[in-house]
Amino acid sequence: MLNPNFDPFPILTTERLILRRFTFADAPRLFELRKDPVIMQYIGRPLAKTLDDAIDLIKVINDLLSGNNGITWCITLKNEQEFIGSIGFWRIEKENYRAEIGYLLNPAYQGMGIMQEAVETIINYGFGPMNLHSIQANVSPGNAASIKLLQKNNFTQEAYFKENCFYNGAFRDTIVYTLLTKN
C-alpha cells in the first residue's frame, strides 16, 4: 500500500517557479481567485464569500497534509514569493497507488507556460518520491485549457460520465483523464 510522507514538506522548484507550502498569509490572494465566478466556473466548489473561506480552505489543505492524505503546493514565481496559483494531489487512494491532480492559476499568469512547468514537476514528484502508479484528473468538458494541458502531459481520456455530478442546481458531465507511470 502507498505510504506517502509529506514531512518535511517537499518544496519543489522549476526554472521559474517555487512550489511551496501554503501559509495563512496566502489567504487574501487565494480568496481573490476562489470568489471569482469566471475562474471557478469549472471547479465544482462554492465561491468563497469571505476571507475566512480561504483561511478555512488552507486549514483543510494543512489537515490533509498532516495526515499524509493530500498535498497542495502554493505556486509562486522565483523572484516573488506571492501566491499566483495552486497545484496538488488530493483524493489519494493509497490502496490503488493513485491520486487526483488539481490546479488553479491566476488568469494574469495564464498562457505563459507556468502551469505546464508546475504539472510536469508534480508528475515527476508523484511518480518519483510518492511512488504513485497513476494520476487522475476530473475535468469539465467545457474546460478546453485544462484538457489541452492534460493531453500535452500525455494524460489519456479514461471515461466520460454524463450528468454524474449535481452542483449548483444542475447536473454536469465529467471527463476523467489518467496518466500511468512509465515504470
N, C-alpha and C. Protein backbone atom coordinates (compact mmCIF):
# COMPACT_ATOMS: atom_id res chain seq x y z
N MET A 1 0.84 -1.18 0.00
CA MET A 1 0.00 0.00 0.00
C MET A 1 0.89 1.24 0.00
N LEU A 2 0.45 2.24 -0.72
CA LEU A 2 1.15 3.52 -0.78
C LEU A 2 1.20 4.14 0.61
N ASN A 3 2.36 4.68 0.97
CA ASN A 3 2.52 5.29 2.28
C ASN A 3 3.24 6.64 2.14
N PRO A 4 2.54 7.66 1.61
CA PRO A 4 3.21 8.94 1.41
C PRO A 4 3.58 9.59 2.73
N ASN A 5 4.67 10.34 2.70
CA ASN A 5 5.10 11.09 3.88
C ASN A 5 5.50 12.48 3.41
N PHE A 6 4.75 13.48 3.83
CA PHE A 6 4.99 14.85 3.39
C PHE A 6 5.69 15.69 4.47
N ASP A 7 6.40 15.00 5.37
CA ASP A 7 7.14 15.69 6.43
C ASP A 7 8.60 15.29 6.34
N PRO A 8 9.48 16.22 6.01
CA PRO A 8 9.23 17.64 5.83
C PRO A 8 8.54 17.92 4.50
N PHE A 9 7.89 19.07 4.45
CA PHE A 9 7.16 19.45 3.25
C PHE A 9 8.14 19.56 2.07
N PRO A 10 7.82 18.89 0.95
CA PRO A 10 8.71 18.94 -0.21
C PRO A 10 8.54 20.23 -1.02
N ILE A 11 9.48 21.12 -0.91
CA ILE A 11 9.48 22.33 -1.71
C ILE A 11 10.08 21.96 -3.07
N LEU A 12 9.35 22.25 -4.14
CA LEU A 12 9.78 21.88 -5.49
C LEU A 12 10.10 23.16 -6.26
N THR A 13 11.12 23.09 -7.11
CA THR A 13 11.49 24.26 -7.89
C THR A 13 11.58 23.88 -9.36
N THR A 14 11.33 24.89 -10.20
CA THR A 14 11.49 24.75 -11.64
C THR A 14 12.36 25.93 -12.07
N GLU A 15 12.50 26.09 -13.36
CA GLU A 15 13.28 27.22 -13.87
C GLU A 15 12.74 28.56 -13.36
N ARG A 16 11.40 28.70 -13.33
CA ARG A 16 10.79 29.97 -12.96
C ARG A 16 9.99 29.95 -11.66
N LEU A 17 9.72 28.75 -11.12
CA LEU A 17 8.75 28.63 -10.04
C LEU A 17 9.32 28.03 -8.77
N ILE A 18 8.67 28.35 -7.68
CA ILE A 18 8.84 27.64 -6.42
C ILE A 18 7.46 27.15 -6.03
N LEU A 19 7.36 25.86 -5.77
CA LEU A 19 6.13 25.25 -5.27
C LEU A 19 6.37 25.01 -3.78
N ARG A 20 5.68 25.76 -2.95
CA ARG A 20 5.94 25.74 -1.52
C ARG A 20 4.65 25.46 -0.76
N ARG A 21 4.78 25.34 0.54
CA ARG A 21 3.64 25.10 1.41
C ARG A 21 2.80 26.38 1.54
N PHE A 22 1.48 26.19 1.62
CA PHE A 22 0.58 27.31 1.88
C PHE A 22 0.79 27.84 3.29
N THR A 23 0.64 29.15 3.42
CA THR A 23 0.59 29.79 4.74
C THR A 23 -0.68 30.63 4.79
N PHE A 24 -1.05 31.05 5.98
CA PHE A 24 -2.25 31.88 6.10
C PHE A 24 -2.05 33.25 5.45
N ALA A 25 -0.81 33.65 5.23
CA ALA A 25 -0.54 34.90 4.52
C ALA A 25 -1.01 34.82 3.06
N ASP A 26 -1.19 33.61 2.53
CA ASP A 26 -1.66 33.42 1.16
C ASP A 26 -3.18 33.57 1.03
N ALA A 27 -3.88 33.64 2.16
CA ALA A 27 -5.35 33.65 2.14
C ALA A 27 -5.95 34.79 1.32
N PRO A 28 -5.47 36.03 1.41
CA PRO A 28 -6.11 37.09 0.62
C PRO A 28 -6.05 36.84 -0.89
N ARG A 29 -4.92 36.38 -1.39
CA ARG A 29 -4.82 36.11 -2.84
C ARG A 29 -5.62 34.88 -3.23
N LEU A 30 -5.65 33.88 -2.37
CA LEU A 30 -6.47 32.70 -2.62
C LEU A 30 -7.94 33.09 -2.66
N PHE A 31 -8.34 33.94 -1.74
CA PHE A 31 -9.72 34.42 -1.70
C PHE A 31 -10.10 35.13 -2.99
N GLU A 32 -9.20 35.96 -3.53
CA GLU A 32 -9.49 36.69 -4.77
C GLU A 32 -9.81 35.72 -5.92
N LEU A 33 -9.09 34.61 -5.98
CA LEU A 33 -9.36 33.63 -7.04
C LEU A 33 -10.63 32.84 -6.77
N ARG A 34 -10.77 32.39 -5.53
CA ARG A 34 -11.88 31.49 -5.20
C ARG A 34 -13.24 32.21 -5.15
N LYS A 35 -13.25 33.54 -5.14
CA LYS A 35 -14.52 34.26 -5.14
C LYS A 35 -14.96 34.65 -6.55
N ASP A 36 -14.10 34.46 -7.53
CA ASP A 36 -14.35 34.90 -8.91
C ASP A 36 -15.13 33.82 -9.67
N PRO A 37 -16.38 34.12 -10.09
CA PRO A 37 -17.18 33.10 -10.77
C PRO A 37 -16.60 32.65 -12.11
N VAL A 38 -15.87 33.50 -12.79
CA VAL A 38 -15.26 33.10 -14.07
C VAL A 38 -14.13 32.10 -13.82
N ILE A 39 -13.28 32.38 -12.86
CA ILE A 39 -12.17 31.49 -12.54
C ILE A 39 -12.69 30.14 -12.02
N MET A 40 -13.77 30.19 -11.25
CA MET A 40 -14.29 28.98 -10.59
C MET A 40 -15.34 28.24 -11.42
N GLN A 41 -15.61 28.70 -12.65
CA GLN A 41 -16.72 28.12 -13.42
C GLN A 41 -16.59 26.63 -13.66
N TYR A 42 -15.38 26.10 -13.70
CA TYR A 42 -15.20 24.67 -13.97
C TYR A 42 -14.85 23.86 -12.72
N ILE A 43 -14.83 24.53 -11.58
CA ILE A 43 -14.50 23.86 -10.33
C ILE A 43 -15.78 23.73 -9.52
N GLY A 44 -16.21 22.53 -9.28
CA GLY A 44 -17.48 22.28 -8.60
C GLY A 44 -17.41 22.53 -7.11
N ARG A 45 -17.06 23.74 -6.75
CA ARG A 45 -16.98 24.14 -5.34
C ARG A 45 -17.66 25.49 -5.20
N PRO A 46 -18.25 25.74 -4.03
CA PRO A 46 -18.88 27.04 -3.82
C PRO A 46 -17.87 28.18 -3.89
N LEU A 47 -18.32 29.32 -4.36
CA LEU A 47 -17.47 30.50 -4.37
C LEU A 47 -17.17 30.92 -2.94
N ALA A 48 -15.96 31.39 -2.73
CA ALA A 48 -15.61 31.96 -1.42
C ALA A 48 -16.40 33.25 -1.24
N LYS A 49 -16.96 33.42 -0.07
CA LYS A 49 -17.73 34.63 0.21
C LYS A 49 -16.97 35.59 1.11
N THR A 50 -16.07 35.06 1.92
CA THR A 50 -15.29 35.90 2.83
C THR A 50 -13.85 35.39 2.86
N LEU A 51 -12.99 36.20 3.42
CA LEU A 51 -11.60 35.80 3.60
C LEU A 51 -11.52 34.55 4.48
N ASP A 52 -12.44 34.42 5.41
CA ASP A 52 -12.46 33.23 6.27
C ASP A 52 -12.63 31.94 5.46
N ASP A 53 -13.34 32.01 4.34
CA ASP A 53 -13.49 30.82 3.49
C ASP A 53 -12.13 30.38 2.95
N ALA A 54 -11.29 31.32 2.57
CA ALA A 54 -9.94 30.99 2.10
C ALA A 54 -9.09 30.45 3.24
N ILE A 55 -9.22 31.05 4.41
CA ILE A 55 -8.49 30.56 5.59
C ILE A 55 -8.92 29.14 5.91
N ASP A 56 -10.22 28.87 5.85
CA ASP A 56 -10.72 27.52 6.10
C ASP A 56 -10.19 26.52 5.08
N LEU A 57 -10.08 26.93 3.82
CA LEU A 57 -9.53 26.04 2.80
C LEU A 57 -8.06 25.72 3.10
N ILE A 58 -7.31 26.71 3.52
CA ILE A 58 -5.91 26.46 3.88
C ILE A 58 -5.83 25.49 5.06
N LYS A 59 -6.76 25.60 6.00
CA LYS A 59 -6.81 24.65 7.13
C LYS A 59 -7.07 23.24 6.62
N VAL A 60 -7.99 23.08 5.67
CA VAL A 60 -8.27 21.76 5.08
C VAL A 60 -7.02 21.22 4.38
N ILE A 61 -6.36 22.08 3.61
CA ILE A 61 -5.12 21.68 2.92
C ILE A 61 -4.09 21.20 3.94
N ASN A 62 -3.95 21.93 5.04
CA ASN A 62 -2.98 21.56 6.07
C ASN A 62 -3.39 20.28 6.80
N ASP A 63 -4.69 20.08 7.02
CA ASP A 63 -5.15 18.84 7.66
C ASP A 63 -4.88 17.63 6.78
N LEU A 64 -5.16 17.75 5.48
CA LEU A 64 -4.87 16.64 4.56
C LEU A 64 -3.37 16.35 4.55
N LEU A 65 -2.58 17.41 4.57
CA LEU A 65 -1.13 17.27 4.57
C LEU A 65 -0.65 16.56 5.83
N SER A 66 -1.12 16.99 6.98
CA SER A 66 -0.64 16.41 8.24
C SER A 66 -1.01 14.94 8.36
N GLY A 67 -2.10 14.53 7.72
CA GLY A 67 -2.48 13.12 7.72
C GLY A 67 -1.90 12.33 6.56
N ASN A 68 -1.05 12.98 5.74
CA ASN A 68 -0.49 12.37 4.53
C ASN A 68 -1.57 11.86 3.59
N ASN A 69 -2.69 12.59 3.55
CA ASN A 69 -3.82 12.22 2.69
C ASN A 69 -3.99 13.13 1.49
N GLY A 70 -3.14 14.13 1.36
CA GLY A 70 -3.17 15.06 0.24
C GLY A 70 -2.06 16.06 0.39
N ILE A 71 -1.66 16.64 -0.73
CA ILE A 71 -0.63 17.66 -0.70
C ILE A 71 -0.95 18.70 -1.76
N THR A 72 -0.95 19.96 -1.35
CA THR A 72 -1.20 21.06 -2.26
C THR A 72 -0.09 22.07 -2.11
N TRP A 73 0.48 22.44 -3.23
CA TRP A 73 1.54 23.44 -3.25
C TRP A 73 0.98 24.79 -3.64
N CYS A 74 1.53 25.82 -3.07
CA CYS A 74 1.30 27.20 -3.46
C CYS A 74 2.30 27.50 -4.58
N ILE A 75 1.82 27.96 -5.72
CA ILE A 75 2.71 28.28 -6.84
C ILE A 75 3.13 29.74 -6.70
N THR A 76 4.45 29.96 -6.74
CA THR A 76 4.99 31.32 -6.70
C THR A 76 6.07 31.43 -7.78
N LEU A 77 6.31 32.65 -8.23
CA LEU A 77 7.45 32.90 -9.11
C LEU A 77 8.70 32.97 -8.24
N LYS A 78 9.84 32.55 -8.78
CA LYS A 78 11.07 32.55 -8.00
C LYS A 78 11.45 33.94 -7.50
N ASN A 79 11.23 34.94 -8.31
CA ASN A 79 11.65 36.29 -7.92
C ASN A 79 10.62 37.01 -7.06
N GLU A 80 9.48 36.37 -6.82
CA GLU A 80 8.44 36.91 -5.95
C GLU A 80 8.05 35.75 -5.04
N GLN A 81 7.44 35.98 -3.95
CA GLN A 81 7.01 34.85 -3.12
C GLN A 81 5.51 34.83 -2.93
N GLU A 82 4.80 35.61 -3.76
CA GLU A 82 3.36 35.71 -3.58
C GLU A 82 2.62 34.66 -4.38
N PHE A 83 1.55 34.17 -3.79
CA PHE A 83 0.67 33.17 -4.37
C PHE A 83 0.16 33.61 -5.75
N ILE A 84 0.34 32.75 -6.75
CA ILE A 84 -0.28 33.01 -8.06
C ILE A 84 -1.17 31.84 -8.47
N GLY A 85 -1.07 30.73 -7.76
CA GLY A 85 -1.89 29.57 -8.08
C GLY A 85 -1.61 28.43 -7.12
N SER A 86 -2.29 27.33 -7.38
CA SER A 86 -2.10 26.14 -6.55
C SER A 86 -2.12 24.90 -7.43
N ILE A 87 -1.48 23.87 -6.92
CA ILE A 87 -1.47 22.58 -7.61
C ILE A 87 -1.24 21.50 -6.57
N GLY A 88 -1.85 20.36 -6.77
CA GLY A 88 -1.62 19.32 -5.78
C GLY A 88 -2.30 18.01 -6.11
N PHE A 89 -2.09 17.08 -5.18
CA PHE A 89 -2.72 15.77 -5.24
C PHE A 89 -3.68 15.65 -4.06
N TRP A 90 -4.89 15.29 -4.34
CA TRP A 90 -5.86 15.03 -3.29
C TRP A 90 -6.61 13.77 -3.69
N ARG A 91 -7.50 13.34 -2.86
CA ARG A 91 -8.16 12.04 -3.08
C ARG A 91 -7.10 10.97 -3.36
N ILE A 92 -6.12 10.91 -2.52
CA ILE A 92 -5.09 9.89 -2.67
C ILE A 92 -5.71 8.55 -2.28
N GLU A 93 -5.69 7.62 -3.23
CA GLU A 93 -6.16 6.26 -2.99
C GLU A 93 -4.93 5.40 -2.69
N LYS A 94 -4.58 5.31 -1.43
CA LYS A 94 -3.34 4.63 -1.02
C LYS A 94 -3.33 3.18 -1.47
N GLU A 95 -4.47 2.51 -1.38
CA GLU A 95 -4.54 1.10 -1.76
C GLU A 95 -4.36 0.88 -3.26
N ASN A 96 -4.63 1.93 -4.05
CA ASN A 96 -4.52 1.83 -5.51
C ASN A 96 -3.33 2.59 -6.09
N TYR A 97 -2.52 3.18 -5.23
CA TYR A 97 -1.35 3.96 -5.67
C TYR A 97 -1.77 5.03 -6.68
N ARG A 98 -2.87 5.69 -6.38
CA ARG A 98 -3.47 6.64 -7.31
C ARG A 98 -3.83 7.93 -6.58
N ALA A 99 -3.72 9.04 -7.27
CA ALA A 99 -4.12 10.33 -6.71
C ALA A 99 -4.73 11.19 -7.79
N GLU A 100 -5.56 12.12 -7.37
CA GLU A 100 -6.17 13.06 -8.30
C GLU A 100 -5.41 14.37 -8.27
N ILE A 101 -5.10 14.89 -9.44
CA ILE A 101 -4.41 16.17 -9.56
C ILE A 101 -5.45 17.27 -9.68
N GLY A 102 -5.13 18.42 -9.10
CA GLY A 102 -5.97 19.59 -9.23
C GLY A 102 -5.09 20.83 -9.28
N TYR A 103 -5.55 21.85 -9.97
CA TYR A 103 -4.74 23.06 -10.10
C TYR A 103 -5.63 24.27 -10.38
N LEU A 104 -5.08 25.45 -10.07
CA LEU A 104 -5.77 26.71 -10.25
C LEU A 104 -4.71 27.79 -10.45
N LEU A 105 -4.91 28.67 -11.43
CA LEU A 105 -3.91 29.69 -11.71
C LEU A 105 -4.58 31.04 -11.94
N ASN A 106 -4.01 32.06 -11.35
CA ASN A 106 -4.48 33.42 -11.56
C ASN A 106 -4.46 33.72 -13.07
N PRO A 107 -5.56 34.23 -13.63
CA PRO A 107 -5.61 34.50 -15.07
C PRO A 107 -4.50 35.41 -15.58
N ALA A 108 -3.99 36.29 -14.74
CA ALA A 108 -2.90 37.19 -15.16
C ALA A 108 -1.64 36.42 -15.53
N TYR A 109 -1.54 35.17 -15.09
CA TYR A 109 -0.35 34.35 -15.34
C TYR A 109 -0.62 33.20 -16.31
N GLN A 110 -1.82 33.13 -16.85
CA GLN A 110 -2.16 32.07 -17.78
C GLN A 110 -1.56 32.35 -19.15
N GLY A 111 -1.31 31.30 -19.91
CA GLY A 111 -0.76 31.44 -21.25
C GLY A 111 0.73 31.68 -21.28
N MET A 112 1.41 31.49 -20.14
CA MET A 112 2.86 31.71 -20.06
C MET A 112 3.63 30.41 -19.82
N GLY A 113 2.92 29.29 -19.81
CA GLY A 113 3.58 28.01 -19.57
C GLY A 113 3.85 27.71 -18.10
N ILE A 114 3.32 28.54 -17.22
CA ILE A 114 3.55 28.34 -15.78
C ILE A 114 2.92 27.05 -15.30
N MET A 115 1.66 26.82 -15.66
CA MET A 115 1.01 25.59 -15.18
C MET A 115 1.66 24.36 -15.80
N GLN A 116 2.15 24.47 -17.02
CA GLN A 116 2.87 23.35 -17.64
C GLN A 116 4.08 22.98 -16.79
N GLU A 117 4.85 23.98 -16.37
CA GLU A 117 6.01 23.72 -15.51
C GLU A 117 5.60 23.06 -14.21
N ALA A 118 4.53 23.57 -13.61
CA ALA A 118 4.07 23.03 -12.33
C ALA A 118 3.57 21.60 -12.48
N VAL A 119 2.80 21.34 -13.54
CA VAL A 119 2.26 19.98 -13.76
C VAL A 119 3.40 18.99 -13.98
N GLU A 120 4.35 19.33 -14.85
CA GLU A 120 5.49 18.43 -15.08
C GLU A 120 6.21 18.12 -13.77
N THR A 121 6.38 19.13 -12.95
CA THR A 121 7.13 18.97 -11.71
C THR A 121 6.41 18.06 -10.73
N ILE A 122 5.09 18.23 -10.57
CA ILE A 122 4.44 17.36 -9.60
C ILE A 122 4.16 15.96 -10.16
N ILE A 123 4.07 15.83 -11.48
CA ILE A 123 4.01 14.48 -12.06
C ILE A 123 5.29 13.73 -11.70
N ASN A 124 6.43 14.39 -11.87
CA ASN A 124 7.70 13.75 -11.52
C ASN A 124 7.76 13.42 -10.03
N TYR A 125 7.23 14.31 -9.19
CA TYR A 125 7.20 14.04 -7.76
C TYR A 125 6.25 12.87 -7.46
N GLY A 126 5.09 12.87 -8.11
CA GLY A 126 4.11 11.80 -7.88
C GLY A 126 4.62 10.43 -8.26
N PHE A 127 5.27 10.33 -9.43
CA PHE A 127 5.79 9.05 -9.87
C PHE A 127 7.14 8.73 -9.26
N GLY A 128 7.81 9.74 -8.71
CA GLY A 128 9.10 9.54 -8.05
C GLY A 128 8.91 9.29 -6.57
N PRO A 129 9.18 10.28 -5.73
CA PRO A 129 9.12 10.09 -4.28
C PRO A 129 7.79 9.57 -3.74
N MET A 130 6.66 9.94 -4.35
CA MET A 130 5.37 9.47 -3.84
C MET A 130 5.09 8.02 -4.22
N ASN A 131 5.71 7.55 -5.29
CA ASN A 131 5.53 6.17 -5.75
C ASN A 131 4.11 5.88 -6.26
N LEU A 132 3.48 6.88 -6.89
CA LEU A 132 2.16 6.66 -7.48
C LEU A 132 2.27 5.75 -8.70
N HIS A 133 1.20 5.02 -8.98
CA HIS A 133 1.10 4.25 -10.22
C HIS A 133 0.30 5.02 -11.27
N SER A 134 -0.68 5.82 -10.81
CA SER A 134 -1.49 6.58 -11.75
C SER A 134 -1.94 7.90 -11.14
N ILE A 135 -2.14 8.86 -12.02
CA ILE A 135 -2.63 10.19 -11.64
C ILE A 135 -3.90 10.43 -12.46
N GLN A 136 -4.93 10.84 -11.77
CA GLN A 136 -6.24 11.07 -12.38
C GLN A 136 -6.56 12.55 -12.36
N ALA A 137 -7.28 13.00 -13.37
CA ALA A 137 -7.80 14.36 -13.41
C ALA A 137 -9.26 14.30 -13.82
N ASN A 138 -10.11 14.95 -13.06
CA ASN A 138 -11.53 15.06 -13.40
C ASN A 138 -11.75 16.46 -13.96
N VAL A 139 -12.27 16.53 -15.18
CA VAL A 139 -12.34 17.80 -15.89
C VAL A 139 -13.73 18.04 -16.44
N SER A 140 -14.17 19.28 -16.38
CA SER A 140 -15.40 19.66 -17.04
C SER A 140 -15.16 19.66 -18.55
N PRO A 141 -16.08 19.10 -19.34
CA PRO A 141 -15.89 19.08 -20.79
C PRO A 141 -15.69 20.45 -21.41
N GLY A 142 -16.17 21.50 -20.77
CA GLY A 142 -16.01 22.84 -21.30
C GLY A 142 -14.67 23.48 -21.00
N ASN A 143 -13.87 22.85 -20.18
CA ASN A 143 -12.59 23.42 -19.77
C ASN A 143 -11.49 23.02 -20.76
N ALA A 144 -11.53 23.65 -21.93
CA ALA A 144 -10.62 23.30 -23.02
C ALA A 144 -9.16 23.50 -22.64
N ALA A 145 -8.85 24.54 -21.87
CA ALA A 145 -7.45 24.80 -21.50
C ALA A 145 -6.90 23.67 -20.61
N SER A 146 -7.71 23.21 -19.68
CA SER A 146 -7.26 22.13 -18.80
C SER A 146 -7.11 20.82 -19.58
N ILE A 147 -8.03 20.54 -20.47
CA ILE A 147 -7.94 19.33 -21.30
C ILE A 147 -6.67 19.38 -22.15
N LYS A 148 -6.39 20.52 -22.74
CA LYS A 148 -5.18 20.68 -23.57
C LYS A 148 -3.93 20.46 -22.72
N LEU A 149 -3.90 21.00 -21.52
CA LEU A 149 -2.77 20.82 -20.62
C LEU A 149 -2.56 19.35 -20.26
N LEU A 150 -3.63 18.67 -19.96
CA LEU A 150 -3.53 17.25 -19.62
C LEU A 150 -3.04 16.44 -20.81
N GLN A 151 -3.59 16.69 -21.98
CA GLN A 151 -3.17 15.96 -23.19
C GLN A 151 -1.70 16.24 -23.51
N LYS A 152 -1.26 17.47 -23.32
CA LYS A 152 0.15 17.81 -23.56
C LYS A 152 1.07 17.02 -22.63
N ASN A 153 0.54 16.64 -21.47
CA ASN A 153 1.32 15.87 -20.50
C ASN A 153 1.02 14.37 -20.57
N ASN A 154 0.49 13.94 -21.70
CA ASN A 154 0.27 12.53 -22.02
C ASN A 154 -0.82 11.84 -21.20
N PHE A 155 -1.72 12.62 -20.61
CA PHE A 155 -2.90 12.02 -19.98
C PHE A 155 -3.81 11.53 -21.10
N THR A 156 -4.48 10.43 -20.87
CA THR A 156 -5.44 9.92 -21.85
C THR A 156 -6.83 9.88 -21.23
N GLN A 157 -7.82 10.08 -22.10
CA GLN A 157 -9.20 10.04 -21.61
C GLN A 157 -9.54 8.62 -21.22
N GLU A 158 -10.01 8.47 -20.02
CA GLU A 158 -10.36 7.15 -19.48
C GLU A 158 -11.87 6.96 -19.45
N ALA A 159 -12.61 8.06 -19.25
CA ALA A 159 -14.07 7.94 -19.15
C ALA A 159 -14.72 9.29 -19.41
N TYR A 160 -15.96 9.22 -19.84
CA TYR A 160 -16.80 10.41 -19.98
C TYR A 160 -18.10 10.08 -19.27
N PHE A 161 -18.34 10.75 -18.16
CA PHE A 161 -19.55 10.49 -17.38
C PHE A 161 -20.58 11.57 -17.67
N LYS A 162 -21.76 11.14 -18.11
CA LYS A 162 -22.86 12.05 -18.41
C LYS A 162 -23.61 12.38 -17.11
N GLU A 163 -23.73 13.67 -16.84
CA GLU A 163 -24.53 14.18 -15.72
C GLU A 163 -24.28 13.41 -14.43
N ASN A 164 -23.01 13.15 -14.14
CA ASN A 164 -22.66 12.37 -12.95
C ASN A 164 -22.48 13.23 -11.70
N CYS A 165 -22.52 14.53 -11.88
CA CYS A 165 -22.26 15.43 -10.76
C CYS A 165 -23.37 16.47 -10.70
N PHE A 166 -23.99 16.61 -9.53
CA PHE A 166 -25.02 17.63 -9.34
C PHE A 166 -24.39 18.76 -8.55
N TYR A 167 -24.30 19.92 -9.16
CA TYR A 167 -23.71 21.07 -8.50
C TYR A 167 -24.41 22.34 -8.91
N ASN A 168 -24.70 23.16 -7.95
CA ASN A 168 -25.27 24.48 -8.19
C ASN A 168 -26.57 24.40 -9.00
N GLY A 169 -27.38 23.41 -8.67
CA GLY A 169 -28.70 23.28 -9.29
C GLY A 169 -28.74 22.62 -10.65
N ALA A 170 -27.61 22.04 -11.09
CA ALA A 170 -27.59 21.41 -12.42
C ALA A 170 -26.74 20.15 -12.41
N PHE A 171 -27.11 19.21 -13.26
CA PHE A 171 -26.28 18.02 -13.48
C PHE A 171 -25.20 18.36 -14.49
N ARG A 172 -23.99 17.92 -14.21
CA ARG A 172 -22.85 18.25 -15.07
C ARG A 172 -22.10 16.98 -15.47
N ASP A 173 -21.52 17.03 -16.66
CA ASP A 173 -20.70 15.93 -17.16
C ASP A 173 -19.27 16.07 -16.62
N THR A 174 -18.57 14.95 -16.59
CA THR A 174 -17.17 14.93 -16.17
C THR A 174 -16.37 14.03 -17.10
N ILE A 175 -15.20 14.50 -17.50
CA ILE A 175 -14.26 13.66 -18.24
C ILE A 175 -13.14 13.29 -17.28
N VAL A 176 -12.79 12.00 -17.29
CA VAL A 176 -11.69 11.53 -16.45
C VAL A 176 -10.50 11.24 -17.34
N TYR A 177 -9.38 11.89 -17.03
CA TYR A 177 -8.12 11.66 -17.71
C TYR A 177 -7.17 10.97 -16.75
N THR A 178 -6.31 10.10 -17.28
CA THR A 178 -5.38 9.37 -16.43
C THR A 178 -4.01 9.31 -17.09
N LEU A 179 -3.01 9.36 -16.24
CA LEU A 179 -1.62 9.15 -16.65
C LEU A 179 -1.06 8.03 -15.81
N LEU A 180 -0.49 7.03 -16.48
CA LEU A 180 0.14 5.90 -15.79
C LEU A 180 1.63 6.09 -15.73
N THR A 181 2.23 5.59 -14.66
CA THR A 181 3.68 5.65 -14.55
C THR A 181 4.33 4.86 -15.68
N LYS A 182 5.55 5.24 -16.01
CA LYS A 182 6.27 4.57 -17.10
C LYS A 182 7.07 3.39 -16.59
N ASN A 183 7.06 3.16 -15.28
CA ASN A 183 7.86 2.04 -14.70
C ASN A 183 7.33 0.70 -15.15
